[in-house]
Amino acid sequence: MSTAHSESTYFDLHITGLGYLNRVREVNPKKGEPFLACDIAALNGPTNSPEYRRFDVRVSGTEAQQLVRRCAQAVEAERKVLIGFRLGDLWTDTFTYSKGARAGEQGVSLKARLLVVSWIKIDGDLVHKRESSGQENDGTDGSRETPESSPED
């Protein structure tokens, strides 16, 4: 009997980049297990005037969880925590703003799983760099200069 038919295979869609870490938190859903989540304000566009794409991510993998938890205090202290990252399983979620100037309007949130943290800079200082396995070249090695501005919260 062959087991080849019972094994699942997948097509991977990964997003790599760099961005600012925000809103590190434990999520306790009504159904299911608690999980670590955070927001990433990813940089996009020309380096002299970048735009930001916000991702609301579930932190997957033991190493990524440990690294994000290590950064939680710096994020809470409103220090600039810039990370190189790889996301997977991108999807959108719609919601309705409940307060503020956009109350009652429909919004869209980009959701994903944070798979890998390649490097971490806190206030411009490199505090973590993942050792390359030789198979990865995700373009998030932290060698570029840190942008001067950070996204508004």
C-alpha atoms as a PDB file:
ATOM      1  CA  MET A   1       0.000   0.000   0.000  1.00  0.00           C
ATOM      2  CA  SER A   2       1.423   3.371  -1.018  1.00  0.00           C
ATOM      3  CA  THR A   3       1.386   6.302   1.384  1.00  0.00           C
ATOM      4  CA  ALA A   4       2.085   8.841  -1.368  1.00  0.00           C
ATOM      5  CA  HIS A   5      -1.619   9.553  -1.828  1.00  0.00           C
ATOM      6  CA  SER A   6      -2.242  10.217   1.859  1.00  0.00           C
ATOM      7  CA  GLU A   7       0.457  12.897   2.183  1.00  0.00           C
ATOM      8  CA  SER A   8      -0.657  16.477   1.628  1.00  0.00           C
ATOM      9  CA  THR A   9       1.407  18.852  -0.456  1.00  0.00           C
ATOM     10  CA  TYR A  10       1.094  22.619  -0.526  1.00  0.00           C
ATOM     11  CA  PHE A  11       1.941  25.625  -2.642  1.00  0.00           C
ATOM     12  CA  ASP A  12       3.746  28.201  -0.534  1.00  0.00           C
ATOM     13  CA  LEU A  13       3.266  31.928  -0.972  1.00  0.00           C
ATOM     14  CA  HIS A  14       5.774  33.871   1.108  1.00  0.00           C
ATOM     15  CA  ILE A  15       6.222  37.594   1.621  1.00  0.00           C
ATOM     16  CA  THR A  16       9.641  38.864   2.669  1.00  0.00           C
ATOM     17  CA  GLY A  17      10.516  42.321   3.800  1.00  0.00           C
ATOM     18  CA  LEU A  18      11.363  44.576   6.662  1.00  0.00           C
ATOM     19  CA  GLY A  19       9.104  46.547   8.927  1.00  0.00           C
ATOM     20  CA  TYR A  20       8.387  47.924  12.343  1.00  0.00           C
ATOM     21  CA  LEU A  21       7.029  45.650  15.055  1.00  0.00           C
ATOM     22  CA  ASN A  22       3.916  46.917  16.913  1.00  0.00           C
ATOM     23  CA  ARG A  23       1.149  45.682  19.240  1.00  0.00           C
ATOM     24  CA  VAL A  24       2.765  42.495  20.563  1.00  0.00           C
ATOM     25  CA  ARG A  25      -0.010  40.640  22.389  1.00  0.00           C
ATOM     26  CA  GLU A  26      -1.412  37.301  23.519  1.00  0.00           C
ATOM     27  CA  VAL A  27      -4.757  36.537  21.901  1.00  0.00           C
ATOM     28  CA  ASN A  28      -7.215  34.354  23.814  1.00  0.00           C
ATOM     29  CA  PRO A  29      -9.992  33.361  21.396  1.00  0.00           C
ATOM     30  CA  LYS A  30     -13.328  32.070  22.637  1.00  0.00           C
ATOM     31  CA  LYS A  31     -12.703  28.885  20.670  1.00  0.00           C
ATOM     32  CA  GLY A  32      -9.247  27.446  20.153  1.00  0.00           C
ATOM     33  CA  GLU A  33      -5.875  27.842  21.777  1.00  0.00           C
ATOM     34  CA  PRO A  34      -4.286  31.183  22.797  1.00  0.00           C
ATOM     35  CA  PHE A  35      -1.603  32.503  20.438  1.00  0.00           C
ATOM     36  CA  LEU A  36       0.972  35.270  20.104  1.00  0.00           C
ATOM     37  CA  ALA A  37       0.153  38.051  17.630  1.00  0.00           C
ATOM     38  CA  CYS A  38       1.642  41.363  16.542  1.00  0.00           C
ATOM     39  CA  ASP A  39       1.374  43.998  13.836  1.00  0.00           C
ATOM     40  CA  ILE A  40       4.113  44.694  11.317  1.00  0.00           C
ATOM     41  CA  ALA A  41       4.265  48.010   9.464  1.00  0.00           C
ATOM     42  CA  ALA A  42       6.214  46.788   6.425  1.00  0.00           C
ATOM     43  CA  LEU A  43       8.188  49.267   4.356  1.00  0.00           C
ATOM     44  CA  ASN A  44       7.349  49.509   0.669  1.00  0.00           C
ATOM     45  CA  GLY A  45       8.455  51.760  -2.176  1.00  0.00           C
ATOM     46  CA  PRO A  46      11.413  54.116  -2.603  1.00  0.00           C
ATOM     47  CA  THR A  47      13.828  54.256   0.317  1.00  0.00           C
ATOM     48  CA  ASN A  48      13.729  58.062   0.455  1.00  0.00           C
ATOM     49  CA  SER A  49       9.921  58.108   0.961  1.00  0.00           C
ATOM     50  CA  PRO A  50       8.649  54.653   1.920  1.00  0.00           C
ATOM     51  CA  GLU A  51       5.013  53.733   2.368  1.00  0.00           C
ATOM     52  CA  TYR A  52       3.809  51.248   4.941  1.00  0.00           C
ATOM     53  CA  ARG A  53       1.691  48.124   4.563  1.00  0.00           C
ATOM     54  CA  ARG A  54       0.253  46.892   7.834  1.00  0.00           C
ATOM     55  CA  PHE A  55       0.024  43.185   8.513  1.00  0.00           C
ATOM     56  CA  ASP A  56      -1.773  41.714  11.520  1.00  0.00           C
ATOM     57  CA  VAL A  57       0.116  38.461  12.079  1.00  0.00           C
ATOM     58  CA  ARG A  58      -0.071  35.322  14.124  1.00  0.00           C
ATOM     59  CA  VAL A  59       3.458  34.431  15.224  1.00  0.00           C
ATOM     60  CA  SER A  60       4.198  30.845  14.165  1.00  0.00           C
ATOM     61  CA  GLY A  61       7.200  28.745  15.061  1.00  0.00           C
ATOM     62  CA  THR A  62       9.093  28.502  18.308  1.00  0.00           C
ATOM     63  CA  GLU A  63      12.043  30.683  17.264  1.00  0.00           C
ATOM     64  CA  ALA A  64       9.847  33.502  15.903  1.00  0.00           C
ATOM     65  CA  GLN A  65       7.745  33.440  19.095  1.00  0.00           C
ATOM     66  CA  GLN A  66      10.823  33.666  21.323  1.00  0.00           C
ATOM     67  CA  LEU A  67      12.236  36.575  19.315  1.00  0.00           C
ATOM     68  CA  VAL A  68       8.982  38.545  19.249  1.00  0.00           C
ATOM     69  CA  ARG A  69       8.505  38.010  22.995  1.00  0.00           C
ATOM     70  CA  ARG A  70      12.059  39.308  23.565  1.00  0.00           C
ATOM     71  CA  CYS A  71      11.077  42.501  21.714  1.00  0.00           C
ATOM     72  CA  ALA A  72       7.755  43.061  23.518  1.00  0.00           C
ATOM     73  CA  GLN A  73       9.217  45.306  26.223  1.00  0.00           C
ATOM     74  CA  ALA A  74      11.012  47.509  23.649  1.00  0.00           C
ATOM     75  CA  VAL A  75       7.790  47.815  21.630  1.00  0.00           C
ATOM     76  CA  GLU A  76       5.867  48.704  24.798  1.00  0.00           C
ATOM     77  CA  ALA A  77       8.481  51.392  25.558  1.00  0.00           C
ATOM     78  CA  GLU A  78       7.842  52.820  22.048  1.00  0.00           C
ATOM     79  CA  ARG A  79      11.369  52.109  20.854  1.00  0.00           C
ATOM     80  CA  LYS A  80      11.855  51.561  17.104  1.00  0.00           C
ATOM     81  CA  VAL A  81      11.949  47.790  16.605  1.00  0.00           C
ATOM     82  CA  LEU A  82      12.713  46.987  12.971  1.00  0.00           C
ATOM     83  CA  ILE A  83      12.715  43.368  11.818  1.00  0.00           C
ATOM     84  CA  GLY A  84      13.479  41.387   8.697  1.00  0.00           C
ATOM     85  CA  PHE A  85      10.658  38.908   8.232  1.00  0.00           C
ATOM     86  CA  ARG A  86       9.036  36.200   6.151  1.00  0.00           C
ATOM     87  CA  LEU A  87       5.235  35.859   6.178  1.00  0.00           C
ATOM     88  CA  GLY A  88       3.069  33.067   4.834  1.00  0.00           C
ATOM     89  CA  ASP A  89      -0.600  32.265   4.292  1.00  0.00           C
ATOM     90  CA  LEU A  90      -1.755  35.810   3.462  1.00  0.00           C
ATOM     91  CA  TRP A  91      -5.498  36.486   3.647  1.00  0.00           C
ATOM     92  CA  THR A  92      -7.786  39.468   4.142  1.00  0.00           C
ATOM     93  CA  ASP A  93     -10.334  40.099   6.845  1.00  0.00           C
ATOM     94  CA  THR A  94     -13.062  42.746   6.664  1.00  0.00           C
ATOM     95  CA  PHE A  95     -14.293  44.639   9.701  1.00  0.00           C
ATOM     96  CA  THR A  96     -16.314  47.717  10.653  1.00  0.00           C
ATOM     97  CA  TYR A  97     -14.635  50.587  12.500  1.00  0.00           C
ATOM     98  CA  SER A  98     -16.395  51.019  15.847  1.00  0.00           C
ATOM     99  CA  LYS A  99     -14.963  54.395  16.912  1.00  0.00           C
ATOM    100  CA  GLY A 100     -13.067  57.408  15.669  1.00  0.00           C
ATOM    101  CA  ALA A 101     -13.485  59.416  12.483  1.00  0.00           C
ATOM    102  CA  ARG A 102     -14.141  56.261  10.454  1.00  0.00           C
ATOM    103  CA  ALA A 103     -16.769  54.754  12.806  1.00  0.00           C
ATOM    104  CA  GLY A 104     -19.273  52.695  10.830  1.00  0.00           C
ATOM    105  CA  GLU A 105     -17.027  52.415   7.754  1.00  0.00           C
ATOM    106  CA  GLN A 106     -15.856  49.099   6.358  1.00  0.00           C
ATOM    107  CA  GLY A 107     -12.123  48.307   6.658  1.00  0.00           C
ATOM    108  CA  VAL A 108      -9.809  45.579   5.397  1.00  0.00           C
ATOM    109  CA  SER A 109      -7.019  43.987   7.401  1.00  0.00           C
ATOM    110  CA  LEU A 110      -4.126  42.031   5.866  1.00  0.00           C
ATOM    111  CA  LYS A 111      -3.522  38.892   7.931  1.00  0.00           C
ATOM    112  CA  ALA A 112      -0.692  36.368   7.733  1.00  0.00           C
ATOM    113  CA  ARG A 113       1.494  34.033   9.742  1.00  0.00           C
ATOM    114  CA  LEU A 114       4.927  35.321  10.813  1.00  0.00           C
ATOM    115  CA  LEU A 115       7.174  32.405   9.922  1.00  0.00           C
ATOM    116  CA  VAL A 116      10.728  33.755  10.257  1.00  0.00           C
ATOM    117  CA  VAL A 117      12.436  36.711  11.915  1.00  0.00           C
ATOM    118  CA  SER A 118      15.734  37.149  10.022  1.00  0.00           C
ATOM    119  CA  TRP A 119      17.137  40.009  12.067  1.00  0.00           C
ATOM    120  CA  ILE A 120      16.153  42.609  14.649  1.00  0.00           C
ATOM    121  CA  LYS A 121      17.305  46.197  15.104  1.00  0.00           C
ATOM    122  CA  ILE A 122      16.242  48.211  18.142  1.00  0.00           C
ATOM    123  CA  ASP A 123      16.748  51.953  17.743  1.00  0.00           C
ATOM    124  CA  GLY A 124      19.128  51.197  14.843  1.00  0.00           C
ATOM    125  CA  ASP A 125      21.314  48.704  16.739  1.00  0.00           C
ATOM    126  CA  LEU A 126      21.434  45.139  15.414  1.00  0.00           C
ATOM    127  CA  VAL A 127      20.481  42.878  18.346  1.00  0.00           C
ATOM    128  CA  HIS A 128      19.786  39.626  16.467  1.00  0.00           C
ATOM    129  CA  LYS A 129      20.796  38.114  13.141  1.00  0.00           C
ATOM    130  CA  ARG A 130      19.628  34.657  12.167  1.00  0.00           C
ATOM    131  CA  GLU A 131      22.309  32.313  10.934  1.00  0.00           C
ATOM    132  CA  SER A 132      21.687  31.509   7.297  1.00  0.00           C
ATOM    133  CA  SER A 133      21.122  27.891   6.367  1.00  0.00           C
ATOM    134  CA  GLY A 134      22.637  28.559   2.949  1.00  0.00           C
ATOM    135  CA  GLN A 135      19.300  27.735   1.319  1.00  0.00           C
ATOM    136  CA  GLU A 136      17.635  31.020   2.191  1.00  0.00           C
ATOM    137  CA  ASN A 137      18.150  34.317   0.483  1.00  0.00           C
ATOM    138  CA  ASP A 138      15.068  36.247   1.469  1.00  0.00           C
ATOM    139  CA  GLY A 139      16.552  39.708   0.925  1.00  0.00           C
ATOM    140  CA  THR A 140      15.985  40.709   4.532  1.00  0.00           C
ATOM    141  CA  ASP A 141      19.551  40.535   5.790  1.00  0.00           C
ATOM    142  CA  GLY A 142      19.432  43.914   7.532  1.00  0.00           C
ATOM    143  CA  SER A 143      22.314  45.287   5.483  1.00  0.00           C
ATOM    144  CA  ARG A 144      20.319  48.301   4.300  1.00  0.00           C
ATOM    145  CA  GLU A 145      20.305  51.412   6.389  1.00  0.00           C
ATOM    146  CA  THR A 146      17.515  51.839   8.870  1.00  0.00           C
ATOM    147  CA  PRO A 147      14.880  54.304   7.593  1.00  0.00           C
ATOM    148  CA  GLU A 148      14.843  57.612   9.400  1.00  0.00           C
ATOM    149  CA  SER A 149      11.088  57.651   9.942  1.00  0.00           C
ATOM    150  CA  SER A 150       8.766  55.138  11.509  1.00  0.00           C
ATOM    151  CA  PRO A 151       5.049  54.680  10.931  1.00  0.00           C
ATOM    152  CA  GLU A 152       2.574  56.605  12.977  1.00  0.00           C
ATOM    153  CA  ASP A 153       0.567  54.428  15.338  1.00  0.00           C
END
